[in-house]
Amino acid sequence: MLGDAPILTLKKNLCRPTKKQVSSFKGVQTGNIVDAMGGMGAMDGEIQLITARKKIKNSIAGIALTCQCGPADNLATIAAIETSLPGDIIVASTDDFQQTAVAGDLILGIARNRGVEGFITDGSVRDLSGINNLGIPCFSKGVVPNSPAKNGPAKVGTPVVVGGVNVNSGDIIVADTDGVVVVPFLMIDEVKQNLLKICGAEKEAEKKVKSGAKKLGIIESIYSSGRVIEIE
């Protein structure tokens, strides 16, 4: 006979990037990071910054700590926050359930006190006014007053899918007013190297635009390839 299912599952010995690796992504635009990963890596555009935009002048970057909440339950959120380390970003999967909040100002106040950099969920949050007062960036699909249960089953540290992107604890999360990007743990150094080229090219393009450029040069290169047909 099978025993009762666990209420809470905690994954131990999580891989964590170094502080130097994380710091190299701080302040970098999410669009540049996506370009450095071949045009992919961003969560669903419905997951947006719902706290005051003035609280996030540049992108935030931190270490993903995942939790699987399931519909209408936030035991996993509480467990993740209470096991978090400074610099973590909580990524809470609700399987896109948005009818109840997965976090509010009290829970996120604890997160702030523990040094958590941000909170991300494919569900909803509540107490938006109180969250704004905390100063912790919060990304979600919406805001709703309905409260969840705390019964589980809940998982912390295990892989989740949020916003159509696979997220593992130890990945680097970068988020700004454009959205949320996930840098897989095994790709951190590769993406970091690619960023040097991307950011350099971006700065050159910005200079040209500011100096009055009226073309990006892309269309001209297509013309020169001989693959353009002009019709009357």
C-alpha atoms as a PDB file:
ATOM      1  CA  MET A   1       0.000   0.000   0.000  1.00  0.00           C
ATOM      2  CA  LEU A   2       1.358   3.405  -0.959  1.00  0.00           C
ATOM      3  CA  GLY A   3       1.894   5.960   1.790  1.00  0.00           C
ATOM      4  CA  ASP A   4       0.510   9.468   1.810  1.00  0.00           C
ATOM      5  CA  ALA A   5       2.002  11.823  -0.775  1.00  0.00           C
ATOM      6  CA  PRO A   6       4.432  14.404   0.657  1.00  0.00           C
ATOM      7  CA  ILE A   7       2.992  17.823   1.366  1.00  0.00           C
ATOM      8  CA  LEU A   8       6.302  19.542   0.644  1.00  0.00           C
ATOM      9  CA  THR A   9       9.272  18.447  -1.465  1.00  0.00           C
ATOM     10  CA  LEU A  10      12.538  20.390  -1.146  1.00  0.00           C
ATOM     11  CA  LYS A  11      15.433  19.856  -3.555  1.00  0.00           C
ATOM     12  CA  LYS A  12      18.791  20.149  -1.828  1.00  0.00           C
ATOM     13  CA  ASN A  13      22.303  20.852  -3.176  1.00  0.00           C
ATOM     14  CA  LEU A  14      21.218  23.281  -5.874  1.00  0.00           C
ATOM     15  CA  CYS A  15      23.803  24.472  -8.401  1.00  0.00           C
ATOM     16  CA  ARG A  16      24.371  28.198  -7.969  1.00  0.00           C
ATOM     17  CA  PRO A  17      26.270  30.607 -10.227  1.00  0.00           C
ATOM     18  CA  THR A  18      28.975  32.782  -8.708  1.00  0.00           C
ATOM     19  CA  LYS A  19      28.386  36.359  -7.631  1.00  0.00           C
ATOM     20  CA  LYS A  20      30.686  37.463 -10.460  1.00  0.00           C
ATOM     21  CA  GLN A  21      28.571  35.612 -13.020  1.00  0.00           C
ATOM     22  CA  VAL A  22      25.360  37.179 -11.715  1.00  0.00           C
ATOM     23  CA  SER A  23      26.811  40.694 -11.500  1.00  0.00           C
ATOM     24  CA  SER A  24      27.787  40.587 -15.174  1.00  0.00           C
ATOM     25  CA  PHE A  25      24.068  40.543 -16.067  1.00  0.00           C
ATOM     26  CA  LYS A  26      22.940  43.342 -13.739  1.00  0.00           C
ATOM     27  CA  GLY A  27      21.698  46.407 -15.569  1.00  0.00           C
ATOM     28  CA  VAL A  28      21.786  44.701 -18.981  1.00  0.00           C
ATOM     29  CA  GLN A  29      18.651  45.098 -21.087  1.00  0.00           C
ATOM     30  CA  THR A  30      16.641  41.916 -21.492  1.00  0.00           C
ATOM     31  CA  GLY A  31      16.526  42.478 -25.253  1.00  0.00           C
ATOM     32  CA  ASN A  32      20.314  42.317 -25.447  1.00  0.00           C
ATOM     33  CA  ILE A  33      20.380  39.100 -23.462  1.00  0.00           C
ATOM     34  CA  VAL A  34      17.774  37.529 -25.734  1.00  0.00           C
ATOM     35  CA  ASP A  35      19.905  38.510 -28.736  1.00  0.00           C
ATOM     36  CA  ALA A  36      22.908  36.895 -27.042  1.00  0.00           C
ATOM     37  CA  MET A  37      20.893  33.656 -26.800  1.00  0.00           C
ATOM     38  CA  GLY A  38      19.874  33.584 -30.452  1.00  0.00           C
ATOM     39  CA  GLY A  39      16.574  35.401 -30.076  1.00  0.00           C
ATOM     40  CA  MET A  40      15.028  33.179 -27.413  1.00  0.00           C
ATOM     41  CA  GLY A  41      14.749  32.907 -23.625  1.00  0.00           C
ATOM     42  CA  ALA A  42      12.032  35.414 -22.723  1.00  0.00           C
ATOM     43  CA  MET A  43       8.919  34.431 -20.812  1.00  0.00           C
ATOM     44  CA  ASP A  44       5.420  34.979 -22.162  1.00  0.00           C
ATOM     45  CA  GLY A  45       4.769  38.686 -22.672  1.00  0.00           C
ATOM     46  CA  GLU A  46       1.749  38.474 -20.352  1.00  0.00           C
ATOM     47  CA  ILE A  47       4.165  38.178 -17.429  1.00  0.00           C
ATOM     48  CA  GLN A  48       4.918  41.835 -16.830  1.00  0.00           C
ATOM     49  CA  LEU A  49       6.205  44.146 -14.118  1.00  0.00           C
ATOM     50  CA  ILE A  50       3.127  45.011 -12.059  1.00  0.00           C
ATOM     51  CA  THR A  51       4.859  47.082  -9.391  1.00  0.00           C
ATOM     52  CA  ALA A  52       5.762  50.731  -9.886  1.00  0.00           C
ATOM     53  CA  ARG A  53       8.130  51.139 -12.817  1.00  0.00           C
ATOM     54  CA  LYS A  54      10.122  53.793 -10.970  1.00  0.00           C
ATOM     55  CA  LYS A  55      11.239  51.011  -8.607  1.00  0.00           C
ATOM     56  CA  ILE A  56      13.216  49.339 -11.414  1.00  0.00           C
ATOM     57  CA  LYS A  57      15.411  51.843 -13.258  1.00  0.00           C
ATOM     58  CA  ASN A  58      17.586  49.137 -14.817  1.00  0.00           C
ATOM     59  CA  SER A  59      17.240  45.393 -15.133  1.00  0.00           C
ATOM     60  CA  ILE A  60      17.467  43.207 -12.054  1.00  0.00           C
ATOM     61  CA  ALA A  61      19.464  39.995 -12.098  1.00  0.00           C
ATOM     62  CA  GLY A  62      19.509  37.147  -9.618  1.00  0.00           C
ATOM     63  CA  ILE A  63      19.564  33.405  -9.104  1.00  0.00           C
ATOM     64  CA  ALA A  64      16.369  31.511  -9.829  1.00  0.00           C
ATOM     65  CA  LEU A  65      14.799  29.667  -6.913  1.00  0.00           C
ATOM     66  CA  THR A  66      11.863  27.766  -8.355  1.00  0.00           C
ATOM     67  CA  CYS A  67       8.684  26.586  -6.705  1.00  0.00           C
ATOM     68  CA  GLN A  68       5.697  24.619  -7.977  1.00  0.00           C
ATOM     69  CA  CYS A  69       2.532  25.926  -6.374  1.00  0.00           C
ATOM     70  CA  GLY A  70      -0.221  24.389  -8.400  1.00  0.00           C
ATOM     71  CA  PRO A  71      -3.667  25.985  -8.698  1.00  0.00           C
ATOM     72  CA  ALA A  72      -5.069  27.995  -5.759  1.00  0.00           C
ATOM     73  CA  ASP A  73      -2.257  27.128  -3.334  1.00  0.00           C
ATOM     74  CA  ASN A  74       0.836  29.025  -2.234  1.00  0.00           C
ATOM     75  CA  LEU A  75       2.534  26.728   0.271  1.00  0.00           C
ATOM     76  CA  ALA A  76       5.399  26.409  -2.201  1.00  0.00           C
ATOM     77  CA  THR A  77       5.819  30.183  -2.379  1.00  0.00           C
ATOM     78  CA  ILE A  78       6.125  30.422   1.399  1.00  0.00           C
ATOM     79  CA  ALA A  79       8.579  27.508   1.559  1.00  0.00           C
ATOM     80  CA  ALA A  80      10.708  28.940  -1.244  1.00  0.00           C
ATOM     81  CA  ILE A  81      10.926  32.352   0.369  1.00  0.00           C
ATOM     82  CA  GLU A  82      11.755  30.907   3.785  1.00  0.00           C
ATOM     83  CA  THR A  83      14.625  28.865   2.284  1.00  0.00           C
ATOM     84  CA  SER A  84      15.866  31.644  -0.027  1.00  0.00           C
ATOM     85  CA  LEU A  85      19.293  33.256   0.075  1.00  0.00           C
ATOM     86  CA  PRO A  86      20.203  36.890  -0.604  1.00  0.00           C
ATOM     87  CA  GLY A  87      20.288  37.519  -4.334  1.00  0.00           C
ATOM     88  CA  ASP A  88      17.656  34.914  -5.205  1.00  0.00           C
ATOM     89  CA  ILE A  89      14.686  35.611  -7.449  1.00  0.00           C
ATOM     90  CA  ILE A  90      11.634  33.481  -6.641  1.00  0.00           C
ATOM     91  CA  VAL A  91      10.022  31.923  -9.720  1.00  0.00           C
ATOM     92  CA  ALA A  92       6.600  30.524  -8.797  1.00  0.00           C
ATOM     93  CA  SER A  93       4.688  28.274 -11.168  1.00  0.00           C
ATOM     94  CA  THR A  94       0.921  28.034 -10.736  1.00  0.00           C
ATOM     95  CA  ASP A  95       0.325  26.249 -14.061  1.00  0.00           C
ATOM     96  CA  ASP A  96      -1.147  29.557 -15.281  1.00  0.00           C
ATOM     97  CA  PHE A  97      -3.847  29.608 -12.600  1.00  0.00           C
ATOM     98  CA  GLN A  98      -4.772  33.259 -12.070  1.00  0.00           C
ATOM     99  CA  GLN A  99      -8.015  33.152 -10.058  1.00  0.00           C
ATOM    100  CA  THR A 100      -6.268  33.344  -6.679  1.00  0.00           C
ATOM    101  CA  ALA A 101      -3.168  35.241  -5.606  1.00  0.00           C
ATOM    102  CA  VAL A 102       0.021  33.297  -5.029  1.00  0.00           C
ATOM    103  CA  ALA A 103       1.653  36.062  -2.964  1.00  0.00           C
ATOM    104  CA  GLY A 104       0.835  39.313  -1.181  1.00  0.00           C
ATOM    105  CA  ASP A 105       2.648  42.086   0.642  1.00  0.00           C
ATOM    106  CA  LEU A 106       3.259  40.114   3.856  1.00  0.00           C
ATOM    107  CA  ILE A 107       4.908  37.161   2.105  1.00  0.00           C
ATOM    108  CA  LEU A 108       6.913  39.430  -0.177  1.00  0.00           C
ATOM    109  CA  GLY A 109       7.867  41.537   2.827  1.00  0.00           C
ATOM    110  CA  ILE A 110       9.585  38.456   4.255  1.00  0.00           C
ATOM    111  CA  ALA A 111      11.260  37.957   0.870  1.00  0.00           C
ATOM    112  CA  ARG A 112      12.532  41.536   0.918  1.00  0.00           C
ATOM    113  CA  ASN A 113      13.870  41.067   4.444  1.00  0.00           C
ATOM    114  CA  ARG A 114      15.788  37.982   3.309  1.00  0.00           C
ATOM    115  CA  GLY A 115      17.461  39.844   0.450  1.00  0.00           C
ATOM    116  CA  VAL A 116      15.370  38.402  -2.390  1.00  0.00           C
ATOM    117  CA  GLU A 117      15.845  40.449  -5.572  1.00  0.00           C
ATOM    118  CA  GLY A 118      12.426  39.879  -7.126  1.00  0.00           C
ATOM    119  CA  PHE A 119       9.335  37.706  -7.496  1.00  0.00           C
ATOM    120  CA  ILE A 120       8.027  36.192 -10.736  1.00  0.00           C
ATOM    121  CA  THR A 121       4.916  34.103 -11.318  1.00  0.00           C
ATOM    122  CA  ASP A 122       2.618  32.982 -14.107  1.00  0.00           C
ATOM    123  CA  GLY A 123      -0.249  33.479 -11.650  1.00  0.00           C
ATOM    124  CA  SER A 124      -1.553  36.516  -9.807  1.00  0.00           C
ATOM    125  CA  VAL A 125      -0.601  38.508  -6.718  1.00  0.00           C
ATOM    126  CA  ARG A 126      -2.555  40.800  -4.404  1.00  0.00           C
ATOM    127  CA  ASP A 127      -2.006  43.731  -2.017  1.00  0.00           C
ATOM    128  CA  LEU A 128      -0.387  45.708  -4.828  1.00  0.00           C
ATOM    129  CA  SER A 129      -0.260  48.933  -2.844  1.00  0.00           C
ATOM    130  CA  GLY A 130       1.611  47.209  -0.030  1.00  0.00           C
ATOM    131  CA  ILE A 131       3.967  45.456  -2.471  1.00  0.00           C
ATOM    132  CA  ASN A 132       4.816  48.802  -4.049  1.00  0.00           C
ATOM    133  CA  ASN A 133       5.781  50.121  -0.622  1.00  0.00           C
ATOM    134  CA  LEU A 134       8.205  47.206  -0.195  1.00  0.00           C
ATOM    135  CA  GLY A 135      10.267  48.148  -3.232  1.00  0.00           C
ATOM    136  CA  ILE A 136      10.674  44.545  -4.380  1.00  0.00           C
ATOM    137  CA  PRO A 137      10.074  44.136  -8.159  1.00  0.00           C
ATOM    138  CA  CYS A 138       7.150  41.825  -8.837  1.00  0.00           C
ATOM    139  CA  PHE A 139       6.273  40.276 -12.204  1.00  0.00           C
ATOM    140  CA  SER A 140       2.983  38.431 -12.723  1.00  0.00           C
ATOM    141  CA  LYS A 141       0.105  37.900 -15.110  1.00  0.00           C
ATOM    142  CA  GLY A 142      -2.292  39.905 -12.983  1.00  0.00           C
ATOM    143  CA  VAL A 143      -3.625  41.112  -9.661  1.00  0.00           C
ATOM    144  CA  VAL A 144      -6.602  39.558  -7.858  1.00  0.00           C
ATOM    145  CA  PRO A 145      -7.765  39.765  -4.198  1.00  0.00           C
ATOM    146  CA  ASN A 146      -8.737  36.083  -3.869  1.00  0.00           C
ATOM    147  CA  SER A 147      -6.613  34.219  -1.321  1.00  0.00           C
ATOM    148  CA  PRO A 148      -5.088  30.740  -1.823  1.00  0.00           C
ATOM    149  CA  ALA A 149      -4.967  27.666   0.374  1.00  0.00           C
ATOM    150  CA  LYS A 150      -1.742  26.439   1.955  1.00  0.00           C
ATOM    151  CA  ASN A 151      -2.241  22.701   1.694  1.00  0.00           C
ATOM    152  CA  GLY A 152       0.227  21.621  -0.994  1.00  0.00           C
ATOM    153  CA  PRO A 153       1.469  19.463  -2.502  1.00  0.00           C
ATOM    154  CA  ALA A 154       4.320  21.875  -3.008  1.00  0.00           C
ATOM    155  CA  LYS A 155       7.795  21.632  -4.516  1.00  0.00           C
ATOM    156  CA  VAL A 156      10.810  23.913  -4.126  1.00  0.00           C
ATOM    157  CA  GLY A 157      13.960  23.753  -6.242  1.00  0.00           C
ATOM    158  CA  THR A 158      12.582  21.410  -8.884  1.00  0.00           C
ATOM    159  CA  PRO A 159      12.269  22.339 -12.593  1.00  0.00           C
ATOM    160  CA  VAL A 160       9.220  24.396 -13.586  1.00  0.00           C
ATOM    161  CA  VAL A 161       7.786  25.892 -16.747  1.00  0.00           C
ATOM    162  CA  VAL A 162       6.785  29.537 -16.397  1.00  0.00           C
ATOM    163  CA  GLY A 163       5.677  31.688 -19.294  1.00  0.00           C
ATOM    164  CA  GLY A 164       6.545  28.948 -21.749  1.00  0.00           C
ATOM    165  CA  VAL A 165      10.183  28.749 -20.595  1.00  0.00           C
ATOM    166  CA  ASN A 166      11.872  25.940 -18.687  1.00  0.00           C
ATOM    167  CA  VAL A 167      13.373  27.271 -15.456  1.00  0.00           C
ATOM    168  CA  ASN A 168      15.753  25.458 -13.142  1.00  0.00           C
ATOM    169  CA  SER A 169      16.970  26.665  -9.779  1.00  0.00           C
ATOM    170  CA  GLY A 170      20.423  28.101 -10.395  1.00  0.00           C
ATOM    171  CA  ASP A 171      19.558  29.683 -13.724  1.00  0.00           C
ATOM    172  CA  ILE A 172      20.103  33.424 -13.907  1.00  0.00           C
ATOM    173  CA  ILE A 173      16.963  35.544 -14.156  1.00  0.00           C
ATOM    174  CA  VAL A 174      17.148  39.004 -15.723  1.00  0.00           C
ATOM    175  CA  ALA A 175      14.043  41.192 -15.704  1.00  0.00           C
ATOM    176  CA  ASP A 176      13.161  44.749 -16.621  1.00  0.00           C
ATOM    177  CA  THR A 177      10.211  46.772 -17.893  1.00  0.00           C
ATOM    178  CA  ASP A 178      10.217  44.708 -21.120  1.00  0.00           C
ATOM    179  CA  GLY A 179       9.794  41.351 -19.373  1.00  0.00           C
ATOM    180  CA  VAL A 180      11.673  38.372 -17.944  1.00  0.00           C
ATOM    181  CA  VAL A 181      14.537  36.378 -19.477  1.00  0.00           C
ATOM    182  CA  VAL A 182      15.999  33.081 -18.264  1.00  0.00           C
ATOM    183  CA  VAL A 183      19.698  32.323 -18.794  1.00  0.00           C
ATOM    184  CA  PRO A 184      20.208  28.554 -18.294  1.00  0.00           C
ATOM    185  CA  PHE A 185      22.934  27.658 -15.798  1.00  0.00           C
ATOM    186  CA  LEU A 186      24.958  25.741 -18.387  1.00  0.00           C
ATOM    187  CA  MET A 187      24.876  28.692 -20.820  1.00  0.00           C
ATOM    188  CA  ILE A 188      25.873  31.481 -18.446  1.00  0.00           C
ATOM    189  CA  ASP A 189      29.472  31.915 -19.600  1.00  0.00           C
ATOM    190  CA  GLU A 190      28.570  31.493 -23.274  1.00  0.00           C
ATOM    191  CA  VAL A 191      25.846  34.136 -23.065  1.00  0.00           C
ATOM    192  CA  LYS A 192      28.172  36.412 -21.100  1.00  0.00           C
ATOM    193  CA  GLN A 193      30.724  36.271 -23.936  1.00  0.00           C
ATOM    194  CA  ASN A 194      28.070  36.847 -26.598  1.00  0.00           C
ATOM    195  CA  LEU A 195      26.843  39.894 -24.686  1.00  0.00           C
ATOM    196  CA  LEU A 196      30.148  41.672 -25.208  1.00  0.00           C
ATOM    197  CA  LYS A 197      29.575  41.620 -28.968  1.00  0.00           C
ATOM    198  CA  ILE A 198      25.854  42.377 -28.743  1.00  0.00           C
ATOM    199  CA  CYS A 199      26.240  45.354 -26.425  1.00  0.00           C
ATOM    200  CA  GLY A 200      29.107  46.713 -28.514  1.00  0.00           C
ATOM    201  CA  ALA A 201      27.047  46.540 -31.703  1.00  0.00           C
ATOM    202  CA  GLU A 202      24.065  48.072 -29.888  1.00  0.00           C
ATOM    203  CA  LYS A 203      26.096  51.079 -28.779  1.00  0.00           C
ATOM    204  CA  GLU A 204      27.385  51.649 -32.308  1.00  0.00           C
ATOM    205  CA  ALA A 205      23.844  51.488 -33.703  1.00  0.00           C
ATOM    206  CA  GLU A 206      22.609  53.937 -31.052  1.00  0.00           C
ATOM    207  CA  LYS A 207      25.369  56.388 -31.991  1.00  0.00           C
ATOM    208  CA  LYS A 208      24.339  56.255 -35.648  1.00  0.00           C
ATOM    209  CA  VAL A 209      20.679  56.853 -34.804  1.00  0.00           C
ATOM    210  CA  LYS A 210      21.518  59.793 -32.534  1.00  0.00           C
ATOM    211  CA  SER A 211      23.697  61.305 -35.262  1.00  0.00           C
ATOM    212  CA  GLY A 212      20.744  61.306 -37.652  1.00  0.00           C
ATOM    213  CA  ALA A 213      20.916  57.961 -39.465  1.00  0.00           C
ATOM    214  CA  LYS A 214      17.801  57.202 -41.513  1.00  0.00           C
ATOM    215  CA  LYS A 215      18.603  53.592 -42.411  1.00  0.00           C
ATOM    216  CA  LEU A 216      19.787  50.531 -40.489  1.00  0.00           C
ATOM    217  CA  GLY A 217      21.614  49.106 -43.483  1.00  0.00           C
ATOM    218  CA  ILE A 218      19.680  45.842 -43.447  1.00  0.00           C
ATOM    219  CA  ILE A 219      17.611  46.608 -46.543  1.00  0.00           C
ATOM    220  CA  GLU A 220      20.693  47.760 -48.441  1.00  0.00           C
ATOM    221  CA  SER A 221      22.442  44.479 -47.717  1.00  0.00           C
ATOM    222  CA  ILE A 222      19.414  42.586 -49.022  1.00  0.00           C
ATOM    223  CA  TYR A 223      19.484  44.663 -52.211  1.00  0.00           C
ATOM    224  CA  SER A 224      23.179  43.942 -52.678  1.00  0.00           C
ATOM    225  CA  SER A 225      22.519  40.215 -52.363  1.00  0.00           C
ATOM    226  CA  GLY A 226      20.490  40.341 -55.565  1.00  0.00           C
ATOM    227  CA  ARG A 227      17.447  38.750 -53.956  1.00  0.00           C
ATOM    228  CA  VAL A 228      15.058  41.674 -54.377  1.00  0.00           C
ATOM    229  CA  ILE A 229      12.471  41.894 -57.132  1.00  0.00           C
ATOM    230  CA  GLU A 230      10.843  45.210 -57.906  1.00  0.00           C
ATOM    231  CA  ILE A 231       7.393  45.136 -59.532  1.00  0.00           C
ATOM    232  CA  GLU A 232       5.177  47.851 -60.996  1.00  0.00           C
END
